[in-house]
Structures are given as C-alpha cells and as structure tokens.
Amino acid sequence: MDASALSNPRLQAMLEEEKRKAMANEIVAKLTDVCWDKCVTGSIGSSFSNSEASCLSNCAKRFLELKMLTMQRISSPR
C-alpha cells in the first residue's frame, strides 16, 4: 500500500470502522470472560438460573459503564 492510498478519505473511514469493530469485539470478549467466571457457578444447562441471569446482567452493565467512563476520561482534555 503506497502513501497516497493512506490519504484516501474513503480508505481512512473504512480503517476507522474496522478499528471500531475490533474494539467492540475485544470488549465483548473481555466482558464475557469476566462476567462468565464471576456469575456462572453451576453446571451449564439449557438456561441460566435466576441468580446467574441477574449477576450476568449486572456485571455486563457495570463493565460497560466502567468502560464508557474510562474512555470519556481518556478522551477529555485535562
């Protein structure tokens, strides 16, 4: 890829979109890893218990809130 291709606005937009997708996938993988280990304690069946479902929901909510807060702090000027 030559330098002129990197200055193409369309290519830049596509690259940014791919970066956002990769970041979203990374967040989902981390959220799944953290919340699954914390909340799913029994054997895996056809559905989660009420306590597991509640724990997973709360864990995901807290994880995403913390991620958003962290991103806001990083991107805001000091």
C-alpha atoms as a PDB file:
ATOM      1  CA  MET A   1       0.000   0.000   0.000  1.00  0.00           C
ATOM      2  CA  ASP A   2       1.507   3.322  -1.016  1.00  0.00           C
ATOM      3  CA  ALA A   3       1.303   6.639   0.855  1.00  0.00           C
ATOM      4  CA  SER A   4      -1.355   8.062  -1.480  1.00  0.00           C
ATOM      5  CA  ALA A   5      -3.735   5.246  -0.568  1.00  0.00           C
ATOM      6  CA  LEU A   6      -3.423   6.120   3.114  1.00  0.00           C
ATOM      7  CA  SER A   7      -4.599   9.676   2.429  1.00  0.00           C
ATOM      8  CA  ASN A   8      -7.778   8.460   0.709  1.00  0.00           C
ATOM      9  CA  PRO A   9     -10.732   9.581   2.903  1.00  0.00           C
ATOM     10  CA  ARG A  10     -12.800   6.551   1.959  1.00  0.00           C
ATOM     11  CA  LEU A  11      -9.999   4.191   2.944  1.00  0.00           C
ATOM     12  CA  GLN A  12      -9.481   6.108   6.189  1.00  0.00           C
ATOM     13  CA  ALA A  13     -13.181   5.749   7.013  1.00  0.00           C
ATOM     14  CA  MET A  14     -13.044   2.018   6.317  1.00  0.00           C
ATOM     15  CA  LEU A  15      -9.976   1.633   8.531  1.00  0.00           C
ATOM     16  CA  GLU A  16     -11.650   3.549  11.363  1.00  0.00           C
ATOM     17  CA  GLU A  17     -14.737   1.350  11.061  1.00  0.00           C
ATOM     18  CA  GLU A  18     -12.592  -1.784  11.248  1.00  0.00           C
ATOM     19  CA  LYS A  19     -10.830  -0.400  14.335  1.00  0.00           C
ATOM     20  CA  ARG A  20     -14.216   0.219  15.989  1.00  0.00           C
ATOM     21  CA  LYS A  21     -15.357  -3.314  15.157  1.00  0.00           C
ATOM     22  CA  ALA A  22     -12.151  -4.790  16.566  1.00  0.00           C
ATOM     23  CA  MET A  23     -12.540  -2.744  19.750  1.00  0.00           C
ATOM     24  CA  ALA A  24     -16.163  -3.853  20.133  1.00  0.00           C
ATOM     25  CA  ASN A  25     -15.152  -7.497  19.694  1.00  0.00           C
ATOM     26  CA  GLU A  26     -12.398  -7.072  22.275  1.00  0.00           C
ATOM     27  CA  ILE A  27     -14.843  -5.535  24.765  1.00  0.00           C
ATOM     28  CA  VAL A  28     -17.352  -8.350  24.269  1.00  0.00           C
ATOM     29  CA  ALA A  29     -14.651 -10.998  24.708  1.00  0.00           C
ATOM     30  CA  LYS A  30     -13.366  -9.391  27.909  1.00  0.00           C
ATOM     31  CA  LEU A  31     -16.888  -8.855  29.260  1.00  0.00           C
ATOM     32  CA  THR A  32     -17.765 -12.480  28.547  1.00  0.00           C
ATOM     33  CA  ASP A  33     -14.602 -13.727  30.221  1.00  0.00           C
ATOM     34  CA  VAL A  34     -15.002 -11.597  33.355  1.00  0.00           C
ATOM     35  CA  CYS A  35     -18.750 -11.979  33.841  1.00  0.00           C
ATOM     36  CA  TRP A  36     -18.898 -15.677  32.967  1.00  0.00           C
ATOM     37  CA  ASP A  37     -16.211 -16.559  35.503  1.00  0.00           C
ATOM     38  CA  LYS A  38     -17.885 -14.433  38.162  1.00  0.00           C
ATOM     39  CA  CYS A  39     -21.533 -15.391  37.613  1.00  0.00           C
ATOM     40  CA  VAL A  40     -21.856 -18.880  36.158  1.00  0.00           C
ATOM     41  CA  THR A  41     -21.144 -21.194  39.058  1.00  0.00           C
ATOM     42  CA  GLY A  42     -23.229 -24.270  38.338  1.00  0.00           C
ATOM     43  CA  SER A  43     -23.244 -26.768  35.557  1.00  0.00           C
ATOM     44  CA  ILE A  44     -24.213 -25.489  32.138  1.00  0.00           C
ATOM     45  CA  GLY A  45     -27.801 -26.329  31.297  1.00  0.00           C
ATOM     46  CA  SER A  46     -30.359 -25.125  28.809  1.00  0.00           C
ATOM     47  CA  SER A  47     -30.780 -21.813  30.646  1.00  0.00           C
ATOM     48  CA  PHE A  48     -29.240 -19.732  33.403  1.00  0.00           C
ATOM     49  CA  SER A  49     -30.613 -19.748  36.922  1.00  0.00           C
ATOM     50  CA  ASN A  50     -32.319 -16.544  38.071  1.00  0.00           C
ATOM     51  CA  SER A  51     -29.303 -15.579  40.163  1.00  0.00           C
ATOM     52  CA  GLU A  52     -26.898 -16.260  37.278  1.00  0.00           C
ATOM     53  CA  ALA A  53     -29.017 -14.222  34.857  1.00  0.00           C
ATOM     54  CA  SER A  54     -29.224 -11.340  37.318  1.00  0.00           C
ATOM     55  CA  CYS A  55     -25.498 -11.493  38.016  1.00  0.00           C
ATOM     56  CA  LEU A  56     -24.638 -11.564  34.293  1.00  0.00           C
ATOM     57  CA  SER A  57     -26.914  -8.605  33.604  1.00  0.00           C
ATOM     58  CA  ASN A  58     -25.500  -6.540  36.466  1.00  0.00           C
ATOM     59  CA  CYS A  59     -21.923  -7.499  35.653  1.00  0.00           C
ATOM     60  CA  ALA A  60     -22.323  -6.533  31.991  1.00  0.00           C
ATOM     61  CA  LYS A  61     -23.949  -3.229  32.932  1.00  0.00           C
ATOM     62  CA  ARG A  62     -21.173  -2.329  35.391  1.00  0.00           C
ATOM     63  CA  PHE A  63     -18.469  -3.436  32.960  1.00  0.00           C
ATOM     64  CA  LEU A  64     -19.861  -1.280  30.147  1.00  0.00           C
ATOM     65  CA  GLU A  65     -20.407   1.721  32.425  1.00  0.00           C
ATOM     66  CA  LEU A  66     -16.811   1.494  33.612  1.00  0.00           C
ATOM     67  CA  LYS A  67     -15.551   1.124  30.041  1.00  0.00           C
ATOM     68  CA  MET A  68     -17.504   4.213  28.944  1.00  0.00           C
ATOM     69  CA  LEU A  69     -16.285   6.228  31.938  1.00  0.00           C
ATOM     70  CA  THR A  70     -12.702   5.198  31.231  1.00  0.00           C
ATOM     71  CA  MET A  71     -12.999   6.168  27.565  1.00  0.00           C
ATOM     72  CA  GLN A  72     -14.518   9.544  28.500  1.00  0.00           C
ATOM     73  CA  ARG A  73     -11.711  10.252  30.955  1.00  0.00           C
ATOM     74  CA  ILE A  74      -9.060   9.312  28.415  1.00  0.00           C
ATOM     75  CA  SER A  75     -10.569  11.435  25.642  1.00  0.00           C
ATOM     76  CA  SER A  76     -11.410  14.532  27.702  1.00  0.00           C
ATOM     77  CA  PRO A  77      -8.852  17.326  27.940  1.00  0.00           C
ATOM     78  CA  ARG A  78      -7.387  17.910  31.369  1.00  0.00           C
END
